[in-house]
PDB file of N, CA and C in Angstrom:
ATOM      1  N   UNK A   1       0.827  -1.202   0.000  1.00  0.00           N
ATOM      2  CA  UNK A   1       0.000   0.000   0.000  1.00  0.00           C
ATOM      3  C   UNK A   1       0.865   1.258   0.000  1.00  0.00           C
ATOM      4  N   UNK A   2       1.960   1.231   0.740  1.00  0.00           N
ATOM      5  CA  UNK A   2       2.836   2.397   0.825  1.00  0.00           C
ATOM      6  C   UNK A   2       3.428   2.767  -0.539  1.00  0.00           C
ATOM      7  N   UNK A   3       3.755   1.752  -1.334  1.00  0.00           N
ATOM      8  CA  UNK A   3       4.304   2.010  -2.673  1.00  0.00           C
ATOM      9  C   UNK A   3       3.249   2.679  -3.541  1.00  0.00           C
ATOM     10  N   UNK A   4       2.003   2.234  -3.444  1.00  0.00           N
ATOM     11  CA  UNK A   4       0.917   2.835  -4.211  1.00  0.00           C
ATOM     12  C   UNK A   4       0.743   4.315  -3.851  1.00  0.00           C
ATOM     13  N   UNK A   5       0.821   4.633  -2.578  1.00  0.00           N
ATOM     14  CA  UNK A   5       0.696   6.019  -2.127  1.00  0.00           C
ATOM     15  C   UNK A   5       1.870   6.852  -2.648  1.00  0.00           C
ATOM     16  N   UNK A   6       3.061   6.287  -2.641  1.00  0.00           N
ATOM     17  CA  UNK A   6       4.231   6.990  -3.184  1.00  0.00           C
ATOM     18  C   UNK A   6       4.089   7.229  -4.683  1.00  0.00           C
ATOM     19  N   UNK A   7       3.650   6.212  -5.412  1.00  0.00           N
ATOM     20  CA  UNK A   7       3.444   6.359  -6.862  1.00  0.00           C
ATOM     21  C   UNK A   7       2.385   7.428  -7.143  1.00  0.00           C
ATOM     22  N   UNK A   8       1.333   7.427  -6.353  1.00  0.00           N
ATOM     23  CA  UNK A   8       0.292   8.444  -6.499  1.00  0.00           C
ATOM     24  C   UNK A   8       0.862   9.846  -6.292  1.00  0.00           C
ATOM     25  N   UNK A   9       1.694  10.005  -5.293  1.00  0.00           N
ATOM     26  CA  UNK A   9       2.322  11.303  -5.034  1.00  0.00           C
ATOM     27  C   UNK A   9       3.220  11.745  -6.179  1.00  0.00           C
ATOM     28  N   UNK A  10       4.012  10.817  -6.713  1.00  0.00           N
ATOM     29  CA  UNK A  10       4.893  11.163  -7.838  1.00  0.00           C
ATOM     30  C   UNK A  10       4.082  11.502  -9.088  1.00  0.00           C
ATOM     31  N   UNK A  11       3.031  10.747  -9.339  1.00  0.00           N
ATOM     32  CA  UNK A  11       2.179  11.024 -10.500  1.00  0.00           C
ATOM     33  C   UNK A  11       1.500  12.389 -10.356  1.00  0.00           C
ATOM     34  N   UNK A  12       1.065  12.712  -9.152  1.00  0.00           N
ATOM     35  CA  UNK A  12       0.458  14.020  -8.887  1.00  0.00           C
ATOM     36  C   UNK A  12       1.450  15.141  -9.163  1.00  0.00           C
ATOM     37  N   UNK A  13       2.683  14.953  -8.725  1.00  0.00           N
ATOM     38  CA  UNK A  13       3.718  15.954  -8.955  1.00  0.00           C
ATOM     39  C   UNK A  13       3.948  16.156 -10.447  1.00  0.00           C
ATOM     40  N   UNK A  14       4.030  15.056 -11.196  1.00  0.00           N
ATOM     41  CA  UNK A  14       4.251  15.146 -12.637  1.00  0.00           C
ATOM     42  C   UNK A  14       3.101  15.905 -13.303  1.00  0.00           C
ATOM     43  N   UNK A  15       1.874  15.600 -12.936  1.00  0.00           N
ATOM     44  CA  UNK A  15       0.724  16.290 -13.532  1.00  0.00           C
ATOM     45  C   UNK A  15       0.771  17.787 -13.300  1.00  0.00           C
ATOM     46  N   UNK A  16       1.049  18.195 -12.081  1.00  0.00           N
ATOM     47  CA  UNK A  16       1.052  19.615 -11.761  1.00  0.00           C
ATOM     48  C   UNK A  16       2.219  20.328 -12.437  1.00  0.00           C
ATOM     49  N   UNK A  17       3.381  19.713 -12.464  1.00  0.00           N
ATOM     50  CA  UNK A  17       4.544  20.330 -13.119  1.00  0.00           C
ATOM     51  C   UNK A  17       4.321  20.421 -14.626  1.00  0.00           C
ATOM     52  N   UNK A  18       3.791  19.371 -15.235  1.00  0.00           N
ATOM     53  CA  UNK A  18       3.523  19.411 -16.674  1.00  0.00           C
ATOM     54  C   UNK A  18       2.458  20.463 -16.993  1.00  0.00           C
ATOM     55  N   UNK A  19       1.428  20.559 -16.163  1.00  0.00           N
ATOM     56  CA  UNK A  19       0.407  21.594 -16.371  1.00  0.00           C
ATOM     57  C   UNK A  19       1.035  22.981 -16.346  1.00  0.00           C
ATOM     58  N   UNK A  20       1.895  23.227 -15.379  1.00  0.00           N
ATOM     59  CA  UNK A  20       2.547  24.536 -15.269  1.00  0.00           C
ATOM     60  C   UNK A  20       3.500  24.774 -16.432  1.00  0.00           C
ATOM     61  N   UNK A  21       4.219  23.733 -16.852  1.00  0.00           N
ATOM     62  CA  UNK A  21       5.131  23.867 -17.993  1.00  0.00           C
ATOM     63  C   UNK A  21       4.352  24.192 -19.267  1.00  0.00           C
ATOM     64  N   UNK A  22       3.236  23.505 -19.482  1.00  0.00           N
ATOM     65  CA  UNK A  22       2.405  23.786 -20.653  1.00  0.00           C
ATOM     66  C   UNK A  22       1.863  25.215 -20.622  1.00  0.00           C
ATOM     67  N   UNK A  23       1.453  25.654 -19.444  1.00  0.00           N
ATOM     68  CA  UNK A  23       0.966  27.021 -19.288  1.00  0.00           C
ATOM     69  C   UNK A  23       2.076  28.020 -19.582  1.00  0.00           C
ATOM     70  N   UNK A  24       3.237  27.797 -19.023  1.00  0.00           N
ATOM     71  CA  UNK A  24       4.373  28.706 -19.214  1.00  0.00           C
ATOM     72  C   UNK A  24       4.843  28.741 -20.663  1.00  0.00           C
ATOM     73  N   UNK A  25       4.706  27.625 -21.365  1.00  0.00           N
ATOM     74  CA  UNK A  25       5.115  27.551 -22.769  1.00  0.00           C
ATOM     75  C   UNK A  25       4.033  28.085 -23.710  1.00  0.00           C
ATOM     76  N   UNK A  26       2.898  28.466 -23.167  1.00  0.00           N
ATOM     77  CA  UNK A  26       1.817  28.988 -23.989  1.00  0.00           C
ATOM     78  C   UNK A  26       1.043  27.911 -24.732  1.00  0.00           C
ATOM     79  N   UNK A  27       1.173  26.659 -24.317  1.00  0.00           N
ATOM     80  CA  UNK A  27       0.482  25.555 -24.978  1.00  0.00           C
ATOM     81  C   UNK A  27      -0.949  25.377 -24.481  1.00  0.00           C
ATOM     82  N   UNK A  28      -1.226  25.840 -23.276  1.00  0.00           N
ATOM     83  CA  UNK A  28      -2.580  25.845 -22.726  1.00  0.00           C
ATOM     84  C   UNK A  28      -2.831  27.199 -22.095  1.00  0.00           C
ATOM     85  N   UNK A  29      -4.096  27.546 -21.968  1.00  0.00           N
ATOM     86  CA  UNK A  29      -4.439  28.799 -21.291  1.00  0.00           C
ATOM     87  C   UNK A  29      -4.869  28.477 -19.862  1.00  0.00           C
ATOM     88  N   UNK A  30      -4.815  29.461 -18.980  1.00  0.00           N
ATOM     89  CA  UNK A  30      -5.241  29.206 -17.600  1.00  0.00           C
ATOM     90  C   UNK A  30      -6.712  28.811 -17.510  1.00  0.00           C
ATOM     91  N   UNK A  31      -7.500  29.189 -18.493  1.00  0.00           N
ATOM     92  CA  UNK A  31      -8.927  28.873 -18.486  1.00  0.00           C
ATOM     93  C   UNK A  31      -9.241  27.521 -19.127  1.00  0.00           C
ATOM     94  N   UNK A  32      -8.252  26.866 -19.722  1.00  0.00           N
ATOM     95  CA  UNK A  32      -8.527  25.623 -20.445  1.00  0.00           C
ATOM     96  C   UNK A  32      -8.915  24.504 -19.491  1.00  0.00           C
ATOM     97  N   UNK A  33      -9.824  23.652 -19.981  1.00  0.00           N
ATOM     98  CA  UNK A  33     -10.243  22.497 -19.184  1.00  0.00           C
ATOM     99  C   UNK A  33      -9.061  21.562 -18.928  1.00  0.00           C
ATOM    100  N   UNK A  34      -8.195  21.414 -19.920  1.00  0.00           N
ATOM    101  CA  UNK A  34      -7.030  20.534 -19.767  1.00  0.00           C
ATOM    102  C   UNK A  34      -6.171  20.984 -18.597  1.00  0.00           C
ATOM    103  N   UNK A  35      -5.855  22.267 -18.562  1.00  0.00           N
ATOM    104  CA  UNK A  35      -5.028  22.813 -17.483  1.00  0.00           C
ATOM    105  C   UNK A  35      -5.696  22.624 -16.129  1.00  0.00           C
ATOM    106  N   UNK A  36      -6.977  22.946 -16.046  1.00  0.00           N
ATOM    107  CA  UNK A  36      -7.684  22.830 -14.767  1.00  0.00           C
ATOM    108  C   UNK A  36      -7.801  21.377 -14.318  1.00  0.00           C
ATOM    109  N   UNK A  37      -8.103  20.464 -15.245  1.00  0.00           N
ATOM    110  CA  UNK A  37      -8.225  19.052 -14.864  1.00  0.00           C
ATOM    111  C   UNK A  37      -6.892  18.461 -14.444  1.00  0.00           C
ATOM    112  N   UNK A  38      -5.801  18.889 -15.075  1.00  0.00           N
ATOM    113  CA  UNK A  38      -4.484  18.412 -14.652  1.00  0.00           C
ATOM    114  C   UNK A  38      -4.193  18.859 -13.222  1.00  0.00           C
ATOM    115  N   UNK A  39      -4.533  20.109 -12.912  1.00  0.00           N
ATOM    116  CA  UNK A  39      -4.319  20.617 -11.557  1.00  0.00           C
ATOM    117  C   UNK A  39      -5.239  19.940 -10.545  1.00  0.00           C
ATOM    118  N   UNK A  40      -6.495  19.746 -10.908  1.00  0.00           N
ATOM    119  CA  UNK A  40      -7.443  19.096  -9.995  1.00  0.00           C
ATOM    120  C   UNK A  40      -7.008  17.660  -9.707  1.00  0.00           C
ATOM    121  N   UNK A  41      -6.661  16.936 -10.757  1.00  0.00           N
ATOM    122  CA  UNK A  41      -6.245  15.545 -10.588  1.00  0.00           C
ATOM    123  C   UNK A  41      -4.941  15.444  -9.794  1.00  0.00           C
ATOM    124  N   UNK A  42      -3.991  16.302 -10.126  1.00  0.00           N
ATOM    125  CA  UNK A  42      -2.730  16.310  -9.388  1.00  0.00           C
ATOM    126  C   UNK A  42      -2.916  16.656  -7.923  1.00  0.00           C
ATOM    127  N   UNK A  43      -3.719  17.669  -7.659  1.00  0.00           N
ATOM    128  CA  UNK A  43      -3.930  18.047  -6.261  1.00  0.00           C
ATOM    129  C   UNK A  43      -4.697  16.976  -5.504  1.00  0.00           C
ATOM    130  N   UNK A  44      -5.622  16.284  -6.168  1.00  0.00           N
ATOM    131  CA  UNK A  44      -6.337  15.185  -5.506  1.00  0.00           C
ATOM    132  C   UNK A  44      -5.359  14.067  -5.119  1.00  0.00           C
ATOM    133  N   UNK A  45      -4.426  13.789  -6.008  1.00  0.00           N
ATOM    134  CA  UNK A  45      -3.396  12.795  -5.676  1.00  0.00           C
ATOM    135  C   UNK A  45      -2.550  13.222  -4.494  1.00  0.00           C
ATOM    136  N   UNK A  46      -2.197  14.506  -4.459  1.00  0.00           N
ATOM    137  CA  UNK A  46      -1.423  15.026  -3.334  1.00  0.00           C
ATOM    138  C   UNK A  46      -2.227  15.011  -2.039  1.00  0.00           C
ATOM    139  N   UNK A  47      -3.526  15.255  -2.124  1.00  0.00           N
ATOM    140  CA  UNK A  47      -4.358  15.212  -0.919  1.00  0.00           C
ATOM    141  C   UNK A  47      -4.260  13.831  -0.274  1.00  0.00           C
ATOM    142  N   UNK A  48      -4.401  12.799  -1.084  1.00  0.00           N
ATOM    143  CA  UNK A  48      -4.316  11.434  -0.562  1.00  0.00           C
ATOM    144  C   UNK A  48      -2.909  11.166  -0.021  1.00  0.00           C
ATOM    145  N   UNK A  49      -1.900  11.459  -0.829  1.00  0.00           N
ATOM    146  CA  UNK A  49      -0.520  11.196  -0.435  1.00  0.00           C
ATOM    147  C   UNK A  49      -0.158  11.930   0.854  1.00  0.00           C
ATOM    148  N   UNK A  50      -0.450  13.202   0.910  1.00  0.00           N
ATOM    149  CA  UNK A  50      -0.066  14.010   2.073  1.00  0.00           C
ATOM    150  C   UNK A  50      -0.837  13.621   3.326  1.00  0.00           C
ATOM    151  N   UNK A  51      -2.104  13.275   3.159  1.00  0.00           N
ATOM    152  CA  UNK A  51      -2.895  12.859   4.315  1.00  0.00           C
ATOM    153  C   UNK A  51      -2.352  11.557   4.895  1.00  0.00           C
ATOM    154  N   UNK A  52      -2.073  10.590   4.026  1.00  0.00           N
ATOM    155  CA  UNK A  52      -1.532   9.308   4.495  1.00  0.00           C
ATOM    156  C   UNK A  52      -0.175   9.500   5.161  1.00  0.00           C
ATOM    157  N   UNK A  53       0.643  10.387   4.610  1.00  0.00           N
ATOM    158  CA  UNK A  53       1.986  10.628   5.145  1.00  0.00           C
ATOM    159  C   UNK A  53       1.977  11.567   6.357  1.00  0.00           C
ATOM    160  N   UNK A  54       0.820  12.136   6.681  1.00  0.00           N
ATOM    161  CA  UNK A  54       0.719  13.030   7.830  1.00  0.00           C
ATOM    162  C   UNK A  54       1.203  14.441   7.559  1.00  0.00           C
ATOM    163  N   UNK A  55       1.317  14.807   6.304  1.00  0.00           N
ATOM    164  CA  UNK A  55       1.752  16.160   5.924  1.00  0.00           C
ATOM    165  C   UNK A  55       0.500  17.024   5.756  1.00  0.00           C
ATOM    166  N   UNK A  56      -0.120  17.355   6.873  1.00  0.00           N
ATOM    167  CA  UNK A  56      -1.425  18.012   6.844  1.00  0.00           C
ATOM    168  C   UNK A  56      -1.410  19.420   6.246  1.00  0.00           C
ATOM    169  N   UNK A  57      -0.390  20.246   6.486  1.00  0.00           N
ATOM    170  CA  UNK A  57      -0.389  21.552   5.820  1.00  0.00           C
ATOM    171  C   UNK A  57      -0.391  21.421   4.292  1.00  0.00           C
ATOM    172  N   UNK A  58       0.358  20.480   3.765  1.00  0.00           N
ATOM    173  CA  UNK A  58       0.371  20.251   2.314  1.00  0.00           C
ATOM    174  C   UNK A  58      -0.958  19.685   1.838  1.00  0.00           C
ATOM    175  N   UNK A  59      -1.575  18.846   2.640  1.00  0.00           N
ATOM    176  CA  UNK A  59      -2.888  18.309   2.275  1.00  0.00           C
ATOM    177  C   UNK A  59      -3.915  19.428   2.178  1.00  0.00           C
ATOM    178  N   UNK A  60      -3.905  20.337   3.151  1.00  0.00           N
ATOM    179  CA  UNK A  60      -4.837  21.467   3.134  1.00  0.00           C
ATOM    180  C   UNK A  60      -4.558  22.379   1.944  1.00  0.00           C
ATOM    181  N   UNK A  61      -3.286  22.650   1.667  1.00  0.00           N
ATOM    182  CA  UNK A  61      -2.931  23.448   0.496  1.00  0.00           C
ATOM    183  C   UNK A  61      -3.540  22.840  -0.761  1.00  0.00           C
ATOM    184  N   UNK A  62      -3.459  21.525  -0.893  1.00  0.00           N
ATOM    185  CA  UNK A  62      -3.968  20.866  -2.084  1.00  0.00           C
ATOM    186  C   UNK A  62      -5.483  20.784  -2.112  1.00  0.00           C
ATOM    187  N   UNK A  63      -6.139  20.759  -0.967  1.00  0.00           N
ATOM    188  CA  UNK A  63      -7.604  20.882  -0.931  1.00  0.00           C
ATOM    189  C   UNK A  63      -7.985  22.244  -1.522  1.00  0.00           C
ATOM    190  N   UNK A  64      -7.278  23.290  -1.115  1.00  0.00           N
ATOM    191  CA  UNK A  64      -7.554  24.631  -1.645  1.00  0.00           C
ATOM    192  C   UNK A  64      -7.240  24.697  -3.138  1.00  0.00           C
ATOM    193  N   UNK A  65      -6.108  24.115  -3.549  1.00  0.00           N
ATOM    194  CA  UNK A  65      -5.698  24.096  -4.963  1.00  0.00           C
ATOM    195  C   UNK A  65      -6.769  23.397  -5.806  1.00  0.00           C
ATOM    196  N   UNK A  66      -7.246  22.270  -5.314  1.00  0.00           N
ATOM    197  CA  UNK A  66      -8.287  21.510  -5.998  1.00  0.00           C
ATOM    198  C   UNK A  66      -9.576  22.329  -6.074  1.00  0.00           C
ATOM    199  N   UNK A  67      -9.922  22.970  -4.986  1.00  0.00           N
ATOM    200  CA  UNK A  67     -11.130  23.811  -4.951  1.00  0.00           C
ATOM    201  C   UNK A  67     -11.062  24.959  -5.940  1.00  0.00           C
ATOM    202  N   UNK A  68      -9.901  25.565  -6.077  1.00  0.00           N
ATOM    203  CA  UNK A  68      -9.728  26.649  -7.042  1.00  0.00           C
ATOM    204  C   UNK A  68      -9.940  26.131  -8.461  1.00  0.00           C
ATOM    205  N   UNK A  69      -9.402  24.958  -8.752  1.00  0.00           N
ATOM    206  CA  UNK A  69      -9.582  24.363 -10.078  1.00  0.00           C
ATOM    207  C   UNK A  69     -11.039  24.042 -10.367  1.00  0.00           C
ATOM    208  N   UNK A  70     -11.726  23.473  -9.389  1.00  0.00           N
ATOM    209  CA  UNK A  70     -13.146  23.160  -9.557  1.00  0.00           C
ATOM    210  C   UNK A  70     -13.933  24.451  -9.759  1.00  0.00           C
ATOM    211  N   UNK A  71     -13.644  25.464  -8.973  1.00  0.00           N
ATOM    212  CA  UNK A  71     -14.313  26.756  -9.119  1.00  0.00           C
ATOM    213  C   UNK A  71     -14.106  27.318 -10.524  1.00  0.00           C
ATOM    214  N   UNK A  72     -12.879  27.237 -11.026  1.00  0.00           N
ATOM    215  CA  UNK A  72     -12.588  27.752 -12.366  1.00  0.00           C
ATOM    216  C   UNK A  72     -13.391  27.011 -13.430  1.00  0.00           C
ATOM    217  N   UNK A  73     -13.496  25.690 -13.292  1.00  0.00           N
ATOM    218  CA  UNK A  73     -14.285  24.911 -14.257  1.00  0.00           C
ATOM    219  C   UNK A  73     -15.766  25.257 -14.183  1.00  0.00           C
ATOM    220  N   UNK A  74     -16.287  25.385 -12.973  1.00  0.00           N
ATOM    221  CA  UNK A  74     -17.703  25.736 -12.801  1.00  0.00           C
ATOM    222  C   UNK A  74     -17.965  27.121 -13.374  1.00  0.00           C
ATOM    223  N   UNK A  75     -17.089  28.048 -13.073  1.00  0.00           N
ATOM    224  CA  UNK A  75     -17.238  29.413 -13.577  1.00  0.00           C
ATOM    225  C   UNK A  75     -17.193  29.444 -15.108  1.00  0.00           C
ATOM    226  N   UNK A  76     -16.271  28.698 -15.695  1.00  0.00           N
ATOM    227  CA  UNK A  76     -16.158  28.643 -17.152  1.00  0.00           C
ATOM    228  C   UNK A  76     -17.409  28.031 -17.762  1.00  0.00           C
ATOM    229  N   UNK A  77     -17.915  27.003 -17.130  1.00  0.00           N
ATOM    230  CA  UNK A  77     -19.125  26.342 -17.658  1.00  0.00           C
ATOM    231  C   UNK A  77     -20.333  27.254 -17.570  1.00  0.00           C
ATOM    232  N   UNK A  78     -20.477  27.976 -16.462  1.00  0.00           N
ATOM    233  CA  UNK A  78     -21.649  28.855 -16.310  1.00  0.00           C
ATOM    234  C   UNK A  78     -21.559  30.056 -17.248  1.00  0.00           C
ATOM    235  N   UNK A  79     -20.361  30.480 -17.606  1.00  0.00           N
ATOM    236  CA  UNK A  79     -20.246  31.613 -18.532  1.00  0.00           C
ATOM    237  C   UNK A  79     -20.565  31.180 -19.967  1.00  0.00           C
ATOM    238  N   UNK A  80     -20.358  29.905 -20.282  1.00  0.00           N
ATOM    239  CA  UNK A  80     -20.688  29.385 -21.608  1.00  0.00           C
ATOM    240  C   UNK A  80     -22.196  29.174 -21.717  1.00  0.00           C
ATOM    241  N   UNK A  81     -22.786  28.639 -20.645  1.00  0.00           N
ATOM    242  CA  UNK A  81     -24.229  28.352 -20.636  1.00  0.00           C
ATOM    243  C   UNK A  81     -25.044  29.635 -20.579  1.00  0.00           C
ATOM    244  N   UNK A  82     -24.621  30.550 -19.727  1.00  0.00           N
ATOM    245  CA  UNK A  82     -25.426  31.751 -19.482  1.00  0.00           C
ATOM    246  C   UNK A  82     -24.965  32.841 -20.315  1.00  0.00           C
TER     247      UNK A  82
END
């Protein structure tokens, strides 16, 4: 189980770093669903990893990070619909 949690943490890190690299390279926009989903998925992985490892400040940071991504997606969807 510990190896699975470690792999999840590494995969989360890769997702968030790649999302930021794509953003910095101009390949995605901050409003893109791809960028937001990469951040949401990565932060969800970190939430699990950090909680299991007892790194609660990092877990809370990632709850907020995930919430920001979800908010951005909801906001983008409501602006398209309305």
